[in-house]
Structures are given as C-alpha cells and as structure tokens.
Amino acid sequence: MKKQLLLFLIMGAMSLTAFGQRFAYIDTEYILDNIPEYKAAEREVEDLSVQWQTEIENKFAEVDRLYREYQAEAPLLPDEMKRQREEEIIALERAAKELQMQRFGREGDLFEKRQELIQPIQDQVFEAVEEMASRGNYAVIFDKAGGASMIYTDVRYDLSDDVLQRLGYRN
C-alpha cells in the first residue's frame, strides 16, 4: 500500500511539473529557406560539387580511353611496353580515386566547404533559438523539420518566424 501511495505521489508531482512547462517548435527547413545567405551558400557548395564531379568523371574517362587504346594495341606491343602502359593506367586510375576521396571523402573538400559556408548560419539559428528559449522560459523547442516525430503541431507554438526576425530577416 505504501508503494502504491508513493508511486501515486511521484506521478502526481511529475504531472504538475509537466503542466508548468512551456513547449514550442520551429521548422529549421523553413527558417533556412528564408535566409538568403544560406541559399547562396548552398548554391556555392552545389556548384563546387558539380565542378569537382565533372573533374573526376573526366579523369576516369581518360583512364577508360587509355585502357581501350591499350587493349587494341596490346597484341602488337612487346612485354616491357605492355607492363609500362598497364602501370601508367593503374597510376592514373589510382590518382582519380584519390582525387575522388579528397573531394568527396568523409572529411574531404566538400565537407570542409560545407562547414565553412553553412555551419556559421546554422550556428546563428541555434543561438537565436537558444536565446528565445531562455527568454520565453520554454522547456523544450522541437524541430519540425527533424522528421516524423511530431504528429500534430499547432501553429500558435511555431516560433520559426520569430527566429527569422531575431536574425534580422522578414518572411
């Protein structure tokens, strides 16, 4: 009986605490779409990505061209020349793969450029949200863009436009 009473008191205290909390949500996708600097940074990153991808595709096309030429000429070449051409093709292919990793690898050039251009804008948004949460006494601010974890949202609690205003942007 004591355990049930204690459990009931704990649950009652928790529910009273939960009712006193303030919750809100934002939509970071909407916020970032309304920041011109973010869109420009995204375009720059995308342009670099396309440029680097083209550069890599050209390298692999060159390897493919040299390999086809080698296959056509191989029956006529002496063994030493065959080995030399094979090594040349392998070296070019290795260089193309290394360039691909340098550009698009885990911490490659694209990752670094994205960090350089986009991360500061995301940090500004986070700081604005953090400040609003502190001033508004919000216990939790959810991100609607984060996925399907929010089944229902009431627009009265959407602070996305407030975040944009705090950052100096108008919708």
C-alpha atoms as a PDB file:
ATOM      1  CA  MET A   1       0.000   0.000   0.000  1.00  0.00           C
ATOM      2  CA  LYS A   2       2.850   2.395   0.844  1.00  0.00           C
ATOM      3  CA  LYS A   3       4.496   1.668  -2.522  1.00  0.00           C
ATOM      4  CA  GLN A   4       1.282   2.483  -4.381  1.00  0.00           C
ATOM      5  CA  LEU A   5       0.815   5.744  -2.438  1.00  0.00           C
ATOM      6  CA  LEU A   6       4.438   6.732  -3.060  1.00  0.00           C
ATOM      7  CA  LEU A   7       4.088   5.921  -6.765  1.00  0.00           C
ATOM      8  CA  PHE A   8       0.856   7.947  -6.923  1.00  0.00           C
ATOM      9  CA  LEU A   9       2.528  10.955  -5.248  1.00  0.00           C
ATOM     10  CA  ILE A  10       5.539  10.790  -7.565  1.00  0.00           C
ATOM     11  CA  MET A  11       3.335  10.584 -10.653  1.00  0.00           C
ATOM     12  CA  GLY A  12       1.205  13.481  -9.382  1.00  0.00           C
ATOM     13  CA  ALA A  13       4.273  15.647  -8.792  1.00  0.00           C
ATOM     14  CA  MET A  14       5.611  14.795 -12.244  1.00  0.00           C
ATOM     15  CA  SER A  15       2.340  15.679 -13.944  1.00  0.00           C
ATOM     16  CA  LEU A  16       2.119  19.020 -12.102  1.00  0.00           C
ATOM     17  CA  THR A  17       5.671  19.805 -13.165  1.00  0.00           C
ATOM     18  CA  ALA A  18       4.894  18.854 -16.756  1.00  0.00           C
ATOM     19  CA  PHE A  19       1.870  21.172 -16.848  1.00  0.00           C
ATOM     20  CA  GLY A  20       4.053  24.113 -15.825  1.00  0.00           C
ATOM     21  CA  GLN A  21       6.490  23.583 -18.696  1.00  0.00           C
ATOM     22  CA  ARG A  22       6.290  25.543 -21.939  1.00  0.00           C
ATOM     23  CA  PHE A  23       6.876  23.855 -25.269  1.00  0.00           C
ATOM     24  CA  ALA A  24       7.229  25.240 -28.774  1.00  0.00           C
ATOM     25  CA  TYR A  25       8.527  24.149 -32.120  1.00  0.00           C
ATOM     26  CA  ILE A  26      10.377  25.560 -35.084  1.00  0.00           C
ATOM     27  CA  ASP A  27      10.891  24.443 -38.659  1.00  0.00           C
ATOM     28  CA  THR A  28      14.589  24.804 -39.443  1.00  0.00           C
ATOM     29  CA  GLU A  29      13.997  23.939 -43.084  1.00  0.00           C
ATOM     30  CA  TYR A  30      11.568  26.868 -43.374  1.00  0.00           C
ATOM     31  CA  ILE A  31      13.916  29.175 -41.472  1.00  0.00           C
ATOM     32  CA  LEU A  32      16.957  28.323 -43.589  1.00  0.00           C
ATOM     33  CA  ASP A  33      14.937  28.630 -46.805  1.00  0.00           C
ATOM     34  CA  ASN A  34      14.164  32.216 -45.805  1.00  0.00           C
ATOM     35  CA  ILE A  35      17.798  33.217 -45.210  1.00  0.00           C
ATOM     36  CA  PRO A  36      19.352  34.451 -48.487  1.00  0.00           C
ATOM     37  CA  GLU A  37      22.904  33.825 -47.261  1.00  0.00           C
ATOM     38  CA  TYR A  38      22.047  30.181 -46.617  1.00  0.00           C
ATOM     39  CA  LYS A  39      20.618  29.739 -50.103  1.00  0.00           C
ATOM     40  CA  ALA A  40      23.721  31.372 -51.605  1.00  0.00           C
ATOM     41  CA  ALA A  41      25.989  29.109 -49.542  1.00  0.00           C
ATOM     42  CA  GLU A  42      24.018  26.046 -50.625  1.00  0.00           C
ATOM     43  CA  ARG A  43      24.301  27.100 -54.280  1.00  0.00           C
ATOM     44  CA  GLU A  44      28.047  27.630 -53.929  1.00  0.00           C
ATOM     45  CA  VAL A  45      28.506  24.205 -52.351  1.00  0.00           C
ATOM     46  CA  GLU A  46      26.350  22.592 -55.054  1.00  0.00           C
ATOM     47  CA  ASP A  47      28.292  24.374 -57.834  1.00  0.00           C
ATOM     48  CA  LEU A  48      31.594  23.186 -56.372  1.00  0.00           C
ATOM     49  CA  SER A  49      30.222  19.670 -56.079  1.00  0.00           C
ATOM     50  CA  VAL A  50      29.185  19.626 -59.744  1.00  0.00           C
ATOM     51  CA  GLN A  51      32.533  21.113 -60.809  1.00  0.00           C
ATOM     52  CA  TRP A  52      34.520  18.558 -58.808  1.00  0.00           C
ATOM     53  CA  GLN A  53      32.332  15.686 -60.004  1.00  0.00           C
ATOM     54  CA  THR A  54      32.943  16.713 -63.616  1.00  0.00           C
ATOM     55  CA  GLU A  55      36.677  16.895 -62.944  1.00  0.00           C
ATOM     56  CA  ILE A  56      36.649  13.367 -61.505  1.00  0.00           C
ATOM     57  CA  GLU A  57      34.495  11.985 -64.313  1.00  0.00           C
ATOM     58  CA  ASN A  58      36.959  13.434 -66.830  1.00  0.00           C
ATOM     59  CA  LYS A  59      39.839  11.680 -65.054  1.00  0.00           C
ATOM     60  CA  PHE A  60      38.015   8.340 -65.142  1.00  0.00           C
ATOM     61  CA  ALA A  61      37.080   8.905 -68.798  1.00  0.00           C
ATOM     62  CA  GLU A  62      40.772   9.430 -69.568  1.00  0.00           C
ATOM     63  CA  VAL A  63      41.635   6.185 -67.768  1.00  0.00           C
ATOM     64  CA  ASP A  64      38.920   4.387 -69.741  1.00  0.00           C
ATOM     65  CA  ARG A  65      40.161   5.850 -73.043  1.00  0.00           C
ATOM     66  CA  LEU A  66      43.751   4.821 -72.319  1.00  0.00           C
ATOM     67  CA  TYR A  67      42.636   1.325 -71.322  1.00  0.00           C
ATOM     68  CA  ARG A  68      40.652   0.862 -74.546  1.00  0.00           C
ATOM     69  CA  GLU A  69      43.627   2.050 -76.584  1.00  0.00           C
ATOM     70  CA  TYR A  70      45.860  -0.331 -74.662  1.00  0.00           C
ATOM     71  CA  GLN A  71      43.515  -3.269 -75.310  1.00  0.00           C
ATOM     72  CA  ALA A  72      43.531  -2.515 -79.030  1.00  0.00           C
ATOM     73  CA  GLU A  73      47.338  -2.216 -79.203  1.00  0.00           C
ATOM     74  CA  ALA A  74      48.282  -4.897 -76.648  1.00  0.00           C
ATOM     75  CA  PRO A  75      48.715  -7.791 -79.112  1.00  0.00           C
ATOM     76  CA  LEU A  76      51.287  -5.740 -81.031  1.00  0.00           C
ATOM     77  CA  LEU A  77      53.273  -4.417 -78.046  1.00  0.00           C
ATOM     78  CA  PRO A  78      56.360  -6.028 -76.530  1.00  0.00           C
ATOM     79  CA  ASP A  79      56.006  -7.258 -72.933  1.00  0.00           C
ATOM     80  CA  GLU A  80      58.007  -4.381 -71.464  1.00  0.00           C
ATOM     81  CA  MET A  81      55.825  -1.804 -73.209  1.00  0.00           C
ATOM     82  CA  LYS A  82      52.664  -3.632 -72.066  1.00  0.00           C
ATOM     83  CA  ARG A  83      53.804  -3.547 -68.454  1.00  0.00           C
ATOM     84  CA  GLN A  84      54.706   0.135 -68.709  1.00  0.00           C
ATOM     85  CA  ARG A  85      51.305   1.056 -70.183  1.00  0.00           C
ATOM     86  CA  GLU A  86      49.463  -1.047 -67.578  1.00  0.00           C
ATOM     87  CA  GLU A  87      51.336   0.686 -64.768  1.00  0.00           C
ATOM     88  CA  GLU A  88      50.546   4.080 -66.301  1.00  0.00           C
ATOM     89  CA  ILE A  89      46.824   3.266 -66.485  1.00  0.00           C
ATOM     90  CA  ILE A  90      46.789   1.895 -62.942  1.00  0.00           C
ATOM     91  CA  ALA A  91      48.579   5.017 -61.649  1.00  0.00           C
ATOM     92  CA  LEU A  92      46.063   7.304 -63.400  1.00  0.00           C
ATOM     93  CA  GLU A  93      43.142   5.315 -62.009  1.00  0.00           C
ATOM     94  CA  ARG A  94      44.628   5.439 -58.504  1.00  0.00           C
ATOM     95  CA  ALA A  95      45.095   9.215 -58.832  1.00  0.00           C
ATOM     96  CA  ALA A  96      41.454   9.610 -59.933  1.00  0.00           C
ATOM     97  CA  LYS A  97      40.245   7.591 -56.932  1.00  0.00           C
ATOM     98  CA  GLU A  98      42.441   9.614 -54.581  1.00  0.00           C
ATOM     99  CA  LEU A  99      41.061  12.838 -56.027  1.00  0.00           C
ATOM    100  CA  GLN A 100      37.542  11.496 -55.549  1.00  0.00           C
ATOM    101  CA  MET A 101      38.282  10.765 -51.874  1.00  0.00           C
ATOM    102  CA  GLN A 102      39.961  14.160 -51.440  1.00  0.00           C
ATOM    103  CA  ARG A 103      36.915  15.956 -52.835  1.00  0.00           C
ATOM    104  CA  PHE A 104      34.037  13.817 -51.551  1.00  0.00           C
ATOM    105  CA  GLY A 105      35.526  11.706 -48.765  1.00  0.00           C
ATOM    106  CA  ARG A 106      34.413  11.720 -45.149  1.00  0.00           C
ATOM    107  CA  GLU A 107      36.341  14.883 -44.326  1.00  0.00           C
ATOM    108  CA  GLY A 108      37.083  15.963 -47.872  1.00  0.00           C
ATOM    109  CA  ASP A 109      36.960  19.313 -49.580  1.00  0.00           C
ATOM    110  CA  LEU A 110      33.165  19.272 -49.948  1.00  0.00           C
ATOM    111  CA  PHE A 111      32.680  18.566 -46.245  1.00  0.00           C
ATOM    112  CA  GLU A 112      35.081  21.353 -45.310  1.00  0.00           C
ATOM    113  CA  LYS A 113      33.440  23.844 -47.678  1.00  0.00           C
ATOM    114  CA  ARG A 114      30.013  22.960 -46.285  1.00  0.00           C
ATOM    115  CA  GLN A 115      31.351  23.506 -42.756  1.00  0.00           C
ATOM    116  CA  GLU A 116      32.909  26.815 -43.762  1.00  0.00           C
ATOM    117  CA  LEU A 117      29.831  28.240 -45.514  1.00  0.00           C
ATOM    118  CA  ILE A 118      26.773  26.634 -43.929  1.00  0.00           C
ATOM    119  CA  GLN A 119      27.760  25.852 -40.336  1.00  0.00           C
ATOM    120  CA  PRO A 120      28.021  29.525 -39.238  1.00  0.00           C
ATOM    121  CA  ILE A 121      24.468  30.184 -40.456  1.00  0.00           C
ATOM    122  CA  GLN A 122      23.165  27.110 -38.649  1.00  0.00           C
ATOM    123  CA  ASP A 123      25.005  28.262 -35.516  1.00  0.00           C
ATOM    124  CA  GLN A 124      23.279  31.666 -35.731  1.00  0.00           C
ATOM    125  CA  VAL A 125      19.890  29.954 -35.935  1.00  0.00           C
ATOM    126  CA  PHE A 126      20.730  27.772 -32.950  1.00  0.00           C
ATOM    127  CA  GLU A 127      21.865  30.783 -30.908  1.00  0.00           C
ATOM    128  CA  ALA A 128      18.633  32.648 -31.753  1.00  0.00           C
ATOM    129  CA  VAL A 129      16.553  29.635 -30.718  1.00  0.00           C
ATOM    130  CA  GLU A 130      18.552  29.235 -27.527  1.00  0.00           C
ATOM    131  CA  GLU A 131      18.050  32.909 -26.650  1.00  0.00           C
ATOM    132  CA  MET A 132      14.310  32.701 -27.361  1.00  0.00           C
ATOM    133  CA  ALA A 133      14.002  29.556 -25.256  1.00  0.00           C
ATOM    134  CA  SER A 134      15.731  31.290 -22.380  1.00  0.00           C
ATOM    135  CA  ARG A 135      13.683  34.494 -22.626  1.00  0.00           C
ATOM    136  CA  GLY A 136      10.391  32.674 -23.184  1.00  0.00           C
ATOM    137  CA  ASN A 137      11.004  30.096 -20.456  1.00  0.00           C
ATOM    138  CA  TYR A 138      10.495  27.230 -22.878  1.00  0.00           C
ATOM    139  CA  ALA A 139      11.424  23.844 -21.513  1.00  0.00           C
ATOM    140  CA  VAL A 140      11.689  22.309 -24.962  1.00  0.00           C
ATOM    141  CA  ILE A 141      11.698  23.604 -28.511  1.00  0.00           C
ATOM    142  CA  PHE A 142      11.209  20.863 -31.081  1.00  0.00           C
ATOM    143  CA  ASP A 143      12.361  20.954 -34.681  1.00  0.00           C
ATOM    144  CA  LYS A 144       9.510  20.107 -37.014  1.00  0.00           C
ATOM    145  CA  ALA A 145      11.937  19.568 -39.922  1.00  0.00           C
ATOM    146  CA  GLY A 146      13.749  16.848 -37.989  1.00  0.00           C
ATOM    147  CA  GLY A 147      11.413  14.085 -39.085  1.00  0.00           C
ATOM    148  CA  ALA A 148       8.116  12.444 -38.362  1.00  0.00           C
ATOM    149  CA  SER A 149       8.393  12.599 -34.575  1.00  0.00           C
ATOM    150  CA  MET A 150       5.748  15.341 -34.399  1.00  0.00           C
ATOM    151  CA  ILE A 151       2.321  14.034 -35.313  1.00  0.00           C
ATOM    152  CA  TYR A 152       0.433  17.250 -34.640  1.00  0.00           C
ATOM    153  CA  THR A 153       1.590  20.850 -34.394  1.00  0.00           C
ATOM    154  CA  ASP A 154      -0.401  23.923 -33.542  1.00  0.00           C
ATOM    155  CA  VAL A 155       0.821  26.999 -35.458  1.00  0.00           C
ATOM    156  CA  ARG A 156       0.374  29.117 -32.316  1.00  0.00           C
ATOM    157  CA  TYR A 157       3.524  27.496 -30.945  1.00  0.00           C
ATOM    158  CA  ASP A 158       5.595  27.796 -34.121  1.00  0.00           C
ATOM    159  CA  LEU A 159       8.477  30.164 -33.402  1.00  0.00           C
ATOM    160  CA  SER A 160      10.078  29.924 -36.861  1.00  0.00           C
ATOM    161  CA  ASP A 161       9.106  33.473 -37.897  1.00  0.00           C
ATOM    162  CA  ASP A 162      10.309  34.783 -34.520  1.00  0.00           C
ATOM    163  CA  VAL A 163      13.700  33.144 -35.116  1.00  0.00           C
ATOM    164  CA  LEU A 164      13.894  34.772 -38.549  1.00  0.00           C
ATOM    165  CA  GLN A 165      13.044  38.172 -37.037  1.00  0.00           C
ATOM    166  CA  ARG A 166      15.675  37.732 -34.318  1.00  0.00           C
ATOM    167  CA  LEU A 167      18.198  37.022 -37.060  1.00  0.00           C
ATOM    168  CA  GLY A 168      17.101  40.158 -38.901  1.00  0.00           C
ATOM    169  CA  TYR A 169      15.106  38.574 -41.731  1.00  0.00           C
ATOM    170  CA  ARG A 170      11.497  39.044 -42.770  1.00  0.00           C
ATOM    171  CA  ASN A 171       9.339  36.431 -44.420  1.00  0.00           C
END
